[in-house]
């Protein structure tokens, strides 16, 4: 008798970066940890940045990060590709170059068998090869809910490091990839997402942020972060809070994966639980303009997986993606959306 394996997303309680712990609960926990006073630690966890950075010489710093999550698509190779692209993005968000990675695997081998895991790891390896990164080992555990990701090590010159905490008032805000991947994932689980839309979502999520990072550093970016599970406004909140600045966002200028806004127009839009939590948290500091429609409000809070870079850079910078707003001097920590 032929036994059909379950779809990967059927085993996932929350797809991709939407399975993150809520920002409103995570930040207080991290804030209670002891501070690290090592002068060589250039970036730790105090500003919710994308990766840690440790200086080893005047010309070299090590960038280290880890990222893994539950399945966001059913195709095993695509799951591996998305997870690897997402993990590497944290190094690119610091202006760094990833060089090595370790596989992180939680997997029900008895239930799903080895072939699916082989495809997941193969997808991750393909992205690592595209990025010029060597996968040098890893760790695995038995788990009823599959999870995959990478622990990544990279390098950056200390003088070319880009933080999320140094956004400069007067700089423009750029977003280098369209958002809305969380909407597509939720719609796909409900059988509402056309195959072409899912394919476009996968294309966006498997596009490396390497070239965008290089362009941002060359443009003199004052701050940078990648847009993932806390949504565009959640990660922008982290940026303005850490830098002590404000921000203005033009909702209509924010690029969306084509077809996503149509999905959000219905009476019961496909909005993930993570996105709902993001909106509650973001709205503590967001001032919505009365003309901003509901579908755009959900989009800006979408729990994105493997999104683009949110960059603060001088006006007129030539960056991929779209200009979506600007950094303001005041009120500090507030975001205006018009």
C-alpha atoms as a PDB file:
ATOM      1  CA  UNK A   1       0.000   0.000   0.000  1.00  0.00           C
ATOM      2  CA  UNK A   2       1.341   3.444  -0.919  1.00  0.00           C
ATOM      3  CA  UNK A   3       1.559   5.852   2.001  1.00  0.00           C
ATOM      4  CA  UNK A   4       1.423   9.527   1.042  1.00  0.00           C
ATOM      5  CA  UNK A   5       3.584  11.887   3.088  1.00  0.00           C
ATOM      6  CA  UNK A   6       1.797  14.914   4.553  1.00  0.00           C
ATOM      7  CA  UNK A   7       2.409  18.323   3.034  1.00  0.00           C
ATOM      8  CA  UNK A   8       5.248  20.086   4.840  1.00  0.00           C
ATOM      9  CA  UNK A   9       3.051  23.064   5.688  1.00  0.00           C
ATOM     10  CA  UNK A  10       0.526  20.729   7.309  1.00  0.00           C
ATOM     11  CA  UNK A  11       3.178  19.981   9.936  1.00  0.00           C
ATOM     12  CA  UNK A  12       3.876  23.649  10.620  1.00  0.00           C
ATOM     13  CA  UNK A  13       2.029  25.657  13.276  1.00  0.00           C
ATOM     14  CA  UNK A  14       3.308  28.912  11.761  1.00  0.00           C
ATOM     15  CA  UNK A  15       4.851  29.326   8.336  1.00  0.00           C
ATOM     16  CA  UNK A  16       8.392  30.647   7.943  1.00  0.00           C
ATOM     17  CA  UNK A  17       9.285  33.775   9.896  1.00  0.00           C
ATOM     18  CA  UNK A  18       5.680  34.038  11.095  1.00  0.00           C
ATOM     19  CA  UNK A  19       6.642  31.438  13.712  1.00  0.00           C
ATOM     20  CA  UNK A  20       8.881  33.980  15.479  1.00  0.00           C
ATOM     21  CA  UNK A  21       8.169  34.758  19.102  1.00  0.00           C
ATOM     22  CA  UNK A  22       6.129  37.997  19.298  1.00  0.00           C
ATOM     23  CA  UNK A  23       8.288  41.121  19.344  1.00  0.00           C
ATOM     24  CA  UNK A  24       6.252  42.599  22.198  1.00  0.00           C
ATOM     25  CA  UNK A  25       7.261  39.679  24.408  1.00  0.00           C
ATOM     26  CA  UNK A  26      10.735  38.994  23.044  1.00  0.00           C
ATOM     27  CA  UNK A  27      12.222  42.475  23.426  1.00  0.00           C
ATOM     28  CA  UNK A  28      11.632  42.728  27.199  1.00  0.00           C
ATOM     29  CA  UNK A  29      13.232  39.298  27.655  1.00  0.00           C
ATOM     30  CA  UNK A  30      16.325  40.316  25.713  1.00  0.00           C
ATOM     31  CA  UNK A  31      16.479  43.626  27.549  1.00  0.00           C
ATOM     32  CA  UNK A  32      16.756  41.787  30.854  1.00  0.00           C
ATOM     33  CA  UNK A  33      19.893  39.909  29.813  1.00  0.00           C
ATOM     34  CA  UNK A  34      23.277  41.020  31.245  1.00  0.00           C
ATOM     35  CA  UNK A  35      25.075  43.580  29.112  1.00  0.00           C
ATOM     36  CA  UNK A  36      28.366  42.716  27.433  1.00  0.00           C
ATOM     37  CA  UNK A  37      31.118  45.272  27.937  1.00  0.00           C
ATOM     38  CA  UNK A  38      33.735  43.654  25.690  1.00  0.00           C
ATOM     39  CA  UNK A  39      35.152  46.575  23.646  1.00  0.00           C
ATOM     40  CA  UNK A  40      35.699  44.261  20.684  1.00  0.00           C
ATOM     41  CA  UNK A  41      31.962  43.559  20.460  1.00  0.00           C
ATOM     42  CA  UNK A  42      30.827  46.124  17.905  1.00  0.00           C
ATOM     43  CA  UNK A  43      27.206  44.931  17.726  1.00  0.00           C
ATOM     44  CA  UNK A  44      25.460  42.804  20.349  1.00  0.00           C
ATOM     45  CA  UNK A  45      21.797  42.250  21.136  1.00  0.00           C
ATOM     46  CA  UNK A  46      21.039  45.642  22.681  1.00  0.00           C
ATOM     47  CA  UNK A  47      19.611  47.212  19.502  1.00  0.00           C
ATOM     48  CA  UNK A  48      17.836  44.146  18.048  1.00  0.00           C
ATOM     49  CA  UNK A  49      20.204  44.178  15.090  1.00  0.00           C
ATOM     50  CA  UNK A  50      20.358  41.383  12.527  1.00  0.00           C
ATOM     51  CA  UNK A  51      23.694  39.852  13.560  1.00  0.00           C
ATOM     52  CA  UNK A  52      26.468  40.151  16.107  1.00  0.00           C
ATOM     53  CA  UNK A  53      29.741  41.729  15.002  1.00  0.00           C
ATOM     54  CA  UNK A  54      33.060  41.154  16.758  1.00  0.00           C
ATOM     55  CA  UNK A  55      36.280  43.005  15.882  1.00  0.00           C
ATOM     56  CA  UNK A  56      39.352  40.783  15.561  1.00  0.00           C
ATOM     57  CA  UNK A  57      41.692  43.393  14.051  1.00  0.00           C
ATOM     58  CA  UNK A  58      41.644  46.960  12.749  1.00  0.00           C
ATOM     59  CA  UNK A  59      40.702  45.646   9.304  1.00  0.00           C
ATOM     60  CA  UNK A  60      38.525  42.648  10.145  1.00  0.00           C
ATOM     61  CA  UNK A  61      35.364  41.913  12.099  1.00  0.00           C
ATOM     62  CA  UNK A  62      33.416  38.653  12.298  1.00  0.00           C
ATOM     63  CA  UNK A  63      29.668  38.697  11.635  1.00  0.00           C
ATOM     64  CA  UNK A  64      27.718  35.835  13.207  1.00  0.00           C
ATOM     65  CA  UNK A  65      24.022  34.983  13.056  1.00  0.00           C
ATOM     66  CA  UNK A  66      21.549  32.112  13.162  1.00  0.00           C
ATOM     67  CA  UNK A  67      18.109  31.719  11.600  1.00  0.00           C
ATOM     68  CA  UNK A  68      15.770  28.771  11.165  1.00  0.00           C
ATOM     69  CA  UNK A  69      12.028  28.227  10.872  1.00  0.00           C
ATOM     70  CA  UNK A  70       9.147  25.907  10.040  1.00  0.00           C
ATOM     71  CA  UNK A  71       8.072  25.127   6.441  1.00  0.00           C
ATOM     72  CA  UNK A  72       6.570  27.986   4.477  1.00  0.00           C
ATOM     73  CA  UNK A  73       6.102  25.980   1.259  1.00  0.00           C
ATOM     74  CA  UNK A  74       5.479  22.307   0.540  1.00  0.00           C
ATOM     75  CA  UNK A  75       8.298  21.747  -1.945  1.00  0.00           C
ATOM     76  CA  UNK A  76      11.289  20.518   0.137  1.00  0.00           C
ATOM     77  CA  UNK A  77      13.976  22.025  -2.091  1.00  0.00           C
ATOM     78  CA  UNK A  78      12.226  25.394  -2.129  1.00  0.00           C
ATOM     79  CA  UNK A  79      11.917  25.267   1.669  1.00  0.00           C
ATOM     80  CA  UNK A  80      15.674  24.731   1.899  1.00  0.00           C
ATOM     81  CA  UNK A  81      16.399  27.517  -0.584  1.00  0.00           C
ATOM     82  CA  UNK A  82      14.151  30.012   1.226  1.00  0.00           C
ATOM     83  CA  UNK A  83      15.547  29.200   4.661  1.00  0.00           C
ATOM     84  CA  UNK A  84      19.141  29.525   3.480  1.00  0.00           C
ATOM     85  CA  UNK A  85      18.496  32.796   1.637  1.00  0.00           C
ATOM     86  CA  UNK A  86      16.823  34.172   4.750  1.00  0.00           C
ATOM     87  CA  UNK A  87      19.710  33.204   7.047  1.00  0.00           C
ATOM     88  CA  UNK A  88      22.367  34.687   4.770  1.00  0.00           C
ATOM     89  CA  UNK A  89      20.389  37.926   4.616  1.00  0.00           C
ATOM     90  CA  UNK A  90      21.312  38.819   8.204  1.00  0.00           C
ATOM     91  CA  UNK A  91      24.972  39.107   7.204  1.00  0.00           C
ATOM     92  CA  UNK A  92      24.136  41.176   4.130  1.00  0.00           C
ATOM     93  CA  UNK A  93      22.061  43.471   6.367  1.00  0.00           C
ATOM     94  CA  UNK A  94      25.249  44.334   8.280  1.00  0.00           C
ATOM     95  CA  UNK A  95      27.111  45.156   5.069  1.00  0.00           C
ATOM     96  CA  UNK A  96      29.072  41.921   5.446  1.00  0.00           C
ATOM     97  CA  UNK A  97      30.046  38.940   3.306  1.00  0.00           C
ATOM     98  CA  UNK A  98      28.975  35.449   4.444  1.00  0.00           C
ATOM     99  CA  UNK A  99      31.711  32.817   4.177  1.00  0.00           C
ATOM    100  CA  UNK A 100      30.666  29.655   6.065  1.00  0.00           C
ATOM    101  CA  UNK A 101      27.461  28.129   7.404  1.00  0.00           C
ATOM    102  CA  UNK A 102      26.242  25.261   9.577  1.00  0.00           C
ATOM    103  CA  UNK A 103      23.008  23.405   8.871  1.00  0.00           C
ATOM    104  CA  UNK A 104      20.379  23.416  11.628  1.00  0.00           C
ATOM    105  CA  UNK A 105      17.847  20.608  11.287  1.00  0.00           C
ATOM    106  CA  UNK A 106      14.816  19.511  13.327  1.00  0.00           C
ATOM    107  CA  UNK A 107      13.066  16.705  11.479  1.00  0.00           C
ATOM    108  CA  UNK A 108      10.723  13.687  11.906  1.00  0.00           C
ATOM    109  CA  UNK A 109      12.881  11.162  10.050  1.00  0.00           C
ATOM    110  CA  UNK A 110      10.658   8.156  10.858  1.00  0.00           C
ATOM    111  CA  UNK A 111       7.577   9.912   9.510  1.00  0.00           C
ATOM    112  CA  UNK A 112       8.924  11.719   6.450  1.00  0.00           C
ATOM    113  CA  UNK A 113      11.931   9.609   5.488  1.00  0.00           C
ATOM    114  CA  UNK A 114      15.352  10.658   4.312  1.00  0.00           C
ATOM    115  CA  UNK A 115      14.602  11.743   0.754  1.00  0.00           C
ATOM    116  CA  UNK A 116      12.630  14.843   1.764  1.00  0.00           C
ATOM    117  CA  UNK A 117      15.411  15.885   4.132  1.00  0.00           C
ATOM    118  CA  UNK A 118      17.943  15.330   1.368  1.00  0.00           C
ATOM    119  CA  UNK A 119      15.982  17.711  -0.844  1.00  0.00           C
ATOM    120  CA  UNK A 120      15.742  20.349   1.914  1.00  0.00           C
ATOM    121  CA  UNK A 121      19.482  20.218   2.504  1.00  0.00           C
ATOM    122  CA  UNK A 122      20.111  20.243  -1.243  1.00  0.00           C
ATOM    123  CA  UNK A 123      18.074  23.416  -1.623  1.00  0.00           C
ATOM    124  CA  UNK A 124      20.063  25.086   1.152  1.00  0.00           C
ATOM    125  CA  UNK A 125      23.330  23.931  -0.392  1.00  0.00           C
ATOM    126  CA  UNK A 126      22.359  25.341  -3.787  1.00  0.00           C
ATOM    127  CA  UNK A 127      21.757  28.813  -2.333  1.00  0.00           C
ATOM    128  CA  UNK A 128      24.969  28.652  -0.319  1.00  0.00           C
ATOM    129  CA  UNK A 129      26.896  27.770  -3.490  1.00  0.00           C
ATOM    130  CA  UNK A 130      25.282  30.696  -5.330  1.00  0.00           C
ATOM    131  CA  UNK A 131      26.411  32.989  -2.492  1.00  0.00           C
ATOM    132  CA  UNK A 132      29.938  31.547  -2.403  1.00  0.00           C
ATOM    133  CA  UNK A 133      29.373  30.156   1.089  1.00  0.00           C
ATOM    134  CA  UNK A 134      30.781  26.834   2.307  1.00  0.00           C
ATOM    135  CA  UNK A 135      28.468  24.653   4.415  1.00  0.00           C
ATOM    136  CA  UNK A 136      30.926  23.083   6.827  1.00  0.00           C
ATOM    137  CA  UNK A 137      28.758  20.978   9.156  1.00  0.00           C
ATOM    138  CA  UNK A 138      25.664  21.257  11.278  1.00  0.00           C
ATOM    139  CA  UNK A 139      23.435  19.740  13.922  1.00  0.00           C
ATOM    140  CA  UNK A 140      20.179  17.790  13.810  1.00  0.00           C
ATOM    141  CA  UNK A 141      17.494  16.657  16.261  1.00  0.00           C
ATOM    142  CA  UNK A 142      14.359  14.539  15.997  1.00  0.00           C
ATOM    143  CA  UNK A 143      11.260  16.746  16.002  1.00  0.00           C
ATOM    144  CA  UNK A 144       7.657  16.185  14.932  1.00  0.00           C
ATOM    145  CA  UNK A 145       7.607  19.660  13.354  1.00  0.00           C
ATOM    146  CA  UNK A 146      10.258  20.153  10.626  1.00  0.00           C
ATOM    147  CA  UNK A 147      12.567  23.130  10.946  1.00  0.00           C
ATOM    148  CA  UNK A 148      15.582  24.168   8.887  1.00  0.00           C
ATOM    149  CA  UNK A 149      18.025  27.034   8.749  1.00  0.00           C
ATOM    150  CA  UNK A 150      21.660  28.052   8.986  1.00  0.00           C
ATOM    151  CA  UNK A 151      24.127  29.433  11.479  1.00  0.00           C
ATOM    152  CA  UNK A 152      26.213  31.788   9.352  1.00  0.00           C
ATOM    153  CA  UNK A 153      29.625  33.347   9.804  1.00  0.00           C
ATOM    154  CA  UNK A 154      30.729  36.292   7.703  1.00  0.00           C
ATOM    155  CA  UNK A 155      33.239  39.108   7.603  1.00  0.00           C
ATOM    156  CA  UNK A 156      33.107  42.878   7.343  1.00  0.00           C
ATOM    157  CA  UNK A 157      35.614  45.702   7.581  1.00  0.00           C
ATOM    158  CA  UNK A 158      34.812  47.538  10.836  1.00  0.00           C
ATOM    159  CA  UNK A 159      34.698  50.856   8.987  1.00  0.00           C
ATOM    160  CA  UNK A 160      32.126  49.534   6.484  1.00  0.00           C
ATOM    161  CA  UNK A 161      29.799  47.947   9.023  1.00  0.00           C
ATOM    162  CA  UNK A 162      26.170  49.097   8.693  1.00  0.00           C
ATOM    163  CA  UNK A 163      23.958  48.920  11.791  1.00  0.00           C
ATOM    164  CA  UNK A 164      20.206  49.263  12.273  1.00  0.00           C
ATOM    165  CA  UNK A 165      20.812  51.838  15.009  1.00  0.00           C
ATOM    166  CA  UNK A 166      22.473  54.668  13.090  1.00  0.00           C
ATOM    167  CA  UNK A 167      19.748  55.951  10.748  1.00  0.00           C
ATOM    168  CA  UNK A 168      20.356  59.612   9.942  1.00  0.00           C
ATOM    169  CA  UNK A 169      17.596  62.236   9.824  1.00  0.00           C
ATOM    170  CA  UNK A 170      17.113  63.478   6.273  1.00  0.00           C
ATOM    171  CA  UNK A 171      18.034  60.164   4.682  1.00  0.00           C
ATOM    172  CA  UNK A 172      15.523  58.415   2.450  1.00  0.00           C
ATOM    173  CA  UNK A 173      14.113  54.973   3.233  1.00  0.00           C
ATOM    174  CA  UNK A 174      14.405  52.290   0.561  1.00  0.00           C
ATOM    175  CA  UNK A 175      12.919  48.784   0.414  1.00  0.00           C
ATOM    176  CA  UNK A 176      14.756  46.445  -1.950  1.00  0.00           C
ATOM    177  CA  UNK A 177      12.152  43.649  -2.350  1.00  0.00           C
ATOM    178  CA  UNK A 178       8.352  43.593  -2.458  1.00  0.00           C
ATOM    179  CA  UNK A 179       6.541  42.348   0.646  1.00  0.00           C
ATOM    180  CA  UNK A 180       3.429  40.235   1.169  1.00  0.00           C
ATOM    181  CA  UNK A 181       4.930  36.755   1.315  1.00  0.00           C
ATOM    182  CA  UNK A 182       3.131  36.014   4.562  1.00  0.00           C
ATOM    183  CA  UNK A 183      -0.195  36.817   2.919  1.00  0.00           C
ATOM    184  CA  UNK A 184       0.581  34.408   0.077  1.00  0.00           C
ATOM    185  CA  UNK A 185       1.532  31.624   2.501  1.00  0.00           C
ATOM    186  CA  UNK A 186      -1.675  32.023   4.490  1.00  0.00           C
ATOM    187  CA  UNK A 187      -3.736  32.166   1.298  1.00  0.00           C
ATOM    188  CA  UNK A 188      -2.032  29.032  -0.008  1.00  0.00           C
ATOM    189  CA  UNK A 189      -2.945  27.143   3.169  1.00  0.00           C
ATOM    190  CA  UNK A 190      -6.571  28.134   2.550  1.00  0.00           C
ATOM    191  CA  UNK A 191      -6.407  27.173  -1.128  1.00  0.00           C
ATOM    192  CA  UNK A 192      -6.795  30.799  -2.222  1.00  0.00           C
ATOM    193  CA  UNK A 193      -3.400  31.489  -3.824  1.00  0.00           C
ATOM    194  CA  UNK A 194      -2.938  30.853  -7.561  1.00  0.00           C
ATOM    195  CA  UNK A 195       0.110  28.772  -8.498  1.00  0.00           C
ATOM    196  CA  UNK A 196       1.640  31.706 -10.355  1.00  0.00           C
ATOM    197  CA  UNK A 197       1.426  33.858  -7.212  1.00  0.00           C
ATOM    198  CA  UNK A 198       3.087  31.171  -5.088  1.00  0.00           C
ATOM    199  CA  UNK A 199       5.832  30.839  -7.697  1.00  0.00           C
ATOM    200  CA  UNK A 200       6.440  34.592  -7.583  1.00  0.00           C
ATOM    201  CA  UNK A 201       6.524  34.487  -3.793  1.00  0.00           C
ATOM    202  CA  UNK A 202       9.206  31.775  -3.941  1.00  0.00           C
ATOM    203  CA  UNK A 203      11.206  33.798  -6.469  1.00  0.00           C
ATOM    204  CA  UNK A 204      11.187  36.822  -4.165  1.00  0.00           C
ATOM    205  CA  UNK A 205      12.119  34.797  -1.095  1.00  0.00           C
ATOM    206  CA  UNK A 206      15.013  33.025  -2.850  1.00  0.00           C
ATOM    207  CA  UNK A 207      16.592  36.196  -4.249  1.00  0.00           C
ATOM    208  CA  UNK A 208      19.805  36.943  -2.364  1.00  0.00           C
ATOM    209  CA  UNK A 209      20.224  40.390  -0.805  1.00  0.00           C
ATOM    210  CA  UNK A 210      23.889  40.400  -1.820  1.00  0.00           C
ATOM    211  CA  UNK A 211      23.715  42.965  -4.632  1.00  0.00           C
ATOM    212  CA  UNK A 212      21.334  45.197  -2.671  1.00  0.00           C
ATOM    213  CA  UNK A 213      23.739  45.180   0.270  1.00  0.00           C
ATOM    214  CA  UNK A 214      26.706  46.109  -1.914  1.00  0.00           C
ATOM    215  CA  UNK A 215      24.695  48.949  -3.470  1.00  0.00           C
ATOM    216  CA  UNK A 216      23.600  50.233  -0.057  1.00  0.00           C
ATOM    217  CA  UNK A 217      27.148  50.295   1.317  1.00  0.00           C
ATOM    218  CA  UNK A 218      28.394  52.039  -1.842  1.00  0.00           C
ATOM    219  CA  UNK A 219      25.638  54.653  -1.486  1.00  0.00           C
ATOM    220  CA  UNK A 220      26.731  55.509   2.048  1.00  0.00           C
ATOM    221  CA  UNK A 221      23.770  53.947   3.852  1.00  0.00           C
ATOM    222  CA  UNK A 222      23.456  55.182   7.429  1.00  0.00           C
ATOM    223  CA  UNK A 223      21.393  52.176   8.591  1.00  0.00           C
ATOM    224  CA  UNK A 224      20.098  48.868   7.279  1.00  0.00           C
ATOM    225  CA  UNK A 225      18.048  45.871   8.373  1.00  0.00           C
ATOM    226  CA  UNK A 226      16.197  43.090   6.602  1.00  0.00           C
ATOM    227  CA  UNK A 227      12.424  42.776   6.628  1.00  0.00           C
ATOM    228  CA  UNK A 228      11.265  39.432   7.985  1.00  0.00           C
ATOM    229  CA  UNK A 229       8.889  38.150  10.646  1.00  0.00           C
ATOM    230  CA  UNK A 230       8.123  41.408  12.471  1.00  0.00           C
ATOM    231  CA  UNK A 231       6.913  43.054   9.267  1.00  0.00           C
ATOM    232  CA  UNK A 232       8.083  46.253   7.597  1.00  0.00           C
ATOM    233  CA  UNK A 233       6.741  48.511  10.342  1.00  0.00           C
ATOM    234  CA  UNK A 234       8.037  46.257  13.107  1.00  0.00           C
ATOM    235  CA  UNK A 235      11.579  46.316  11.772  1.00  0.00           C
ATOM    236  CA  UNK A 236      11.317  50.040  11.077  1.00  0.00           C
ATOM    237  CA  UNK A 237      10.197  50.483  14.690  1.00  0.00           C
ATOM    238  CA  UNK A 238      13.379  48.726  15.813  1.00  0.00           C
ATOM    239  CA  UNK A 239      15.424  51.020  13.558  1.00  0.00           C
ATOM    240  CA  UNK A 240      13.936  54.327  14.708  1.00  0.00           C
ATOM    241  CA  UNK A 241      13.948  53.274  18.368  1.00  0.00           C
ATOM    242  CA  UNK A 242      17.605  52.275  18.273  1.00  0.00           C
ATOM    243  CA  UNK A 243      18.633  55.433  16.391  1.00  0.00           C
ATOM    244  CA  UNK A 244      16.478  57.902  18.324  1.00  0.00           C
ATOM    245  CA  UNK A 245      14.843  59.218  15.143  1.00  0.00           C
ATOM    246  CA  UNK A 246      11.410  59.164  13.539  1.00  0.00           C
ATOM    247  CA  UNK A 247      10.202  58.063  10.121  1.00  0.00           C
ATOM    248  CA  UNK A 248       7.604  58.828   7.478  1.00  0.00           C
ATOM    249  CA  UNK A 249       6.331  56.075   5.183  1.00  0.00           C
ATOM    250  CA  UNK A 250       4.318  56.462   1.982  1.00  0.00           C
ATOM    251  CA  UNK A 251       2.016  53.439   2.055  1.00  0.00           C
ATOM    252  CA  UNK A 252       1.313  53.566  -1.669  1.00  0.00           C
ATOM    253  CA  UNK A 253       5.029  53.515  -2.481  1.00  0.00           C
ATOM    254  CA  UNK A 254       5.707  50.261  -0.631  1.00  0.00           C
ATOM    255  CA  UNK A 255       6.118  47.490  -3.239  1.00  0.00           C
ATOM    256  CA  UNK A 256       3.927  44.411  -2.850  1.00  0.00           C
ATOM    257  CA  UNK A 257       4.220  41.044  -4.551  1.00  0.00           C
ATOM    258  CA  UNK A 258       1.815  41.345  -7.485  1.00  0.00           C
ATOM    259  CA  UNK A 259      -1.592  39.999  -6.498  1.00  0.00           C
ATOM    260  CA  UNK A 260      -1.168  40.332  -2.728  1.00  0.00           C
ATOM    261  CA  UNK A 261      -3.224  43.497  -2.329  1.00  0.00           C
ATOM    262  CA  UNK A 262      -6.090  41.818  -4.190  1.00  0.00           C
ATOM    263  CA  UNK A 263      -6.020  39.000  -1.613  1.00  0.00           C
ATOM    264  CA  UNK A 264      -6.245  41.548   1.206  1.00  0.00           C
ATOM    265  CA  UNK A 265      -9.378  43.207  -0.196  1.00  0.00           C
ATOM    266  CA  UNK A 266     -11.770  40.444   0.857  1.00  0.00           C
ATOM    267  CA  UNK A 267     -14.009  40.342   3.932  1.00  0.00           C
ATOM    268  CA  UNK A 268     -11.728  37.701   5.492  1.00  0.00           C
ATOM    269  CA  UNK A 269      -8.208  38.549   4.281  1.00  0.00           C
ATOM    270  CA  UNK A 270      -5.583  35.801   4.634  1.00  0.00           C
ATOM    271  CA  UNK A 271      -3.694  37.383   7.517  1.00  0.00           C
ATOM    272  CA  UNK A 272      -1.393  35.221   9.642  1.00  0.00           C
ATOM    273  CA  UNK A 273      -1.449  35.315  13.425  1.00  0.00           C
ATOM    274  CA  UNK A 274       2.085  36.681  13.373  1.00  0.00           C
ATOM    275  CA  UNK A 275       0.940  39.573  11.197  1.00  0.00           C
ATOM    276  CA  UNK A 276      -1.896  40.378  13.607  1.00  0.00           C
ATOM    277  CA  UNK A 277       0.583  40.443  16.496  1.00  0.00           C
ATOM    278  CA  UNK A 278       2.904  42.634  14.416  1.00  0.00           C
ATOM    279  CA  UNK A 279       0.151  45.161  13.818  1.00  0.00           C
ATOM    280  CA  UNK A 280      -0.759  45.377  17.496  1.00  0.00           C
ATOM    281  CA  UNK A 281       2.895  45.990  18.381  1.00  0.00           C
ATOM    282  CA  UNK A 282       3.608  48.425  15.533  1.00  0.00           C
ATOM    283  CA  UNK A 283       0.524  50.522  16.225  1.00  0.00           C
ATOM    284  CA  UNK A 284       1.964  51.501  19.599  1.00  0.00           C
ATOM    285  CA  UNK A 285       4.252  53.887  17.658  1.00  0.00           C
ATOM    286  CA  UNK A 286       2.477  54.321  14.290  1.00  0.00           C
ATOM    287  CA  UNK A 287       0.280  57.255  13.316  1.00  0.00           C
ATOM    288  CA  UNK A 288      -1.916  56.165  10.379  1.00  0.00           C
ATOM    289  CA  UNK A 289      -3.080  58.753   7.916  1.00  0.00           C
ATOM    290  CA  UNK A 290      -6.864  58.612   7.410  1.00  0.00           C
ATOM    291  CA  UNK A 291      -6.436  57.828   3.706  1.00  0.00           C
ATOM    292  CA  UNK A 292      -4.359  54.678   4.270  1.00  0.00           C
ATOM    293  CA  UNK A 293      -6.647  51.765   3.299  1.00  0.00           C
ATOM    294  CA  UNK A 294      -6.976  48.653   5.426  1.00  0.00           C
ATOM    295  CA  UNK A 295      -5.244  46.394   2.904  1.00  0.00           C
ATOM    296  CA  UNK A 296      -2.122  48.568   3.024  1.00  0.00           C
ATOM    297  CA  UNK A 297      -2.151  48.558   6.826  1.00  0.00           C
ATOM    298  CA  UNK A 298      -2.095  44.762   6.812  1.00  0.00           C
ATOM    299  CA  UNK A 299       0.581  44.706   4.104  1.00  0.00           C
ATOM    300  CA  UNK A 300       2.936  46.939   6.088  1.00  0.00           C
ATOM    301  CA  UNK A 301       2.647  44.544   9.047  1.00  0.00           C
ATOM    302  CA  UNK A 302       2.954  41.342   7.004  1.00  0.00           C
ATOM    303  CA  UNK A 303       5.102  38.661   8.649  1.00  0.00           C
ATOM    304  CA  UNK A 304       7.462  38.388   5.708  1.00  0.00           C
ATOM    305  CA  UNK A 305       9.993  35.620   5.221  1.00  0.00           C
ATOM    306  CA  UNK A 306      13.316  36.299   3.478  1.00  0.00           C
ATOM    307  CA  UNK A 307      12.345  39.853   2.601  1.00  0.00           C
ATOM    308  CA  UNK A 308      14.441  42.661   1.226  1.00  0.00           C
ATOM    309  CA  UNK A 309      16.634  45.214   2.919  1.00  0.00           C
ATOM    310  CA  UNK A 310      15.192  48.319   4.559  1.00  0.00           C
ATOM    311  CA  UNK A 311      17.856  50.954   3.976  1.00  0.00           C
ATOM    312  CA  UNK A 312      18.324  54.524   5.159  1.00  0.00           C
ATOM    313  CA  UNK A 313      20.527  56.227   2.562  1.00  0.00           C
ATOM    314  CA  UNK A 314      21.210  59.724   1.215  1.00  0.00           C
ATOM    315  CA  UNK A 315      18.472  61.201  -1.003  1.00  0.00           C
ATOM    316  CA  UNK A 316      18.962  60.346  -4.659  1.00  0.00           C
ATOM    317  CA  UNK A 317      20.770  57.084  -3.935  1.00  0.00           C
ATOM    318  CA  UNK A 318      20.588  54.503  -6.716  1.00  0.00           C
ATOM    319  CA  UNK A 319      19.297  51.425  -4.895  1.00  0.00           C
ATOM    320  CA  UNK A 320      17.210  48.504  -6.151  1.00  0.00           C
ATOM    321  CA  UNK A 321      13.583  48.407  -5.125  1.00  0.00           C
ATOM    322  CA  UNK A 322      11.657  51.523  -4.162  1.00  0.00           C
ATOM    323  CA  UNK A 323      11.928  54.696  -2.114  1.00  0.00           C
ATOM    324  CA  UNK A 324       9.189  54.361   0.514  1.00  0.00           C
ATOM    325  CA  UNK A 325       9.733  57.324   2.842  1.00  0.00           C
ATOM    326  CA  UNK A 326      12.337  59.169   4.849  1.00  0.00           C
ATOM    327  CA  UNK A 327      13.984  59.405   8.242  1.00  0.00           C
ATOM    328  CA  UNK A 328      12.925  62.384  10.351  1.00  0.00           C
ATOM    329  CA  UNK A 329      14.525  63.984  13.364  1.00  0.00           C
ATOM    330  CA  UNK A 330      11.365  63.950  15.488  1.00  0.00           C
ATOM    331  CA  UNK A 331       9.308  62.733  17.094  1.00  0.00           C
ATOM    332  CA  UNK A 332      11.838  60.094  18.074  1.00  0.00           C
ATOM    333  CA  UNK A 333      10.563  56.550  17.909  1.00  0.00           C
ATOM    334  CA  UNK A 334       7.367  57.467  16.014  1.00  0.00           C
ATOM    335  CA  UNK A 335       6.365  56.401  12.511  1.00  0.00           C
ATOM    336  CA  UNK A 336       3.925  58.363  10.373  1.00  0.00           C
ATOM    337  CA  UNK A 337       2.217  56.438   7.544  1.00  0.00           C
ATOM    338  CA  UNK A 338       0.377  58.417   4.876  1.00  0.00           C
END
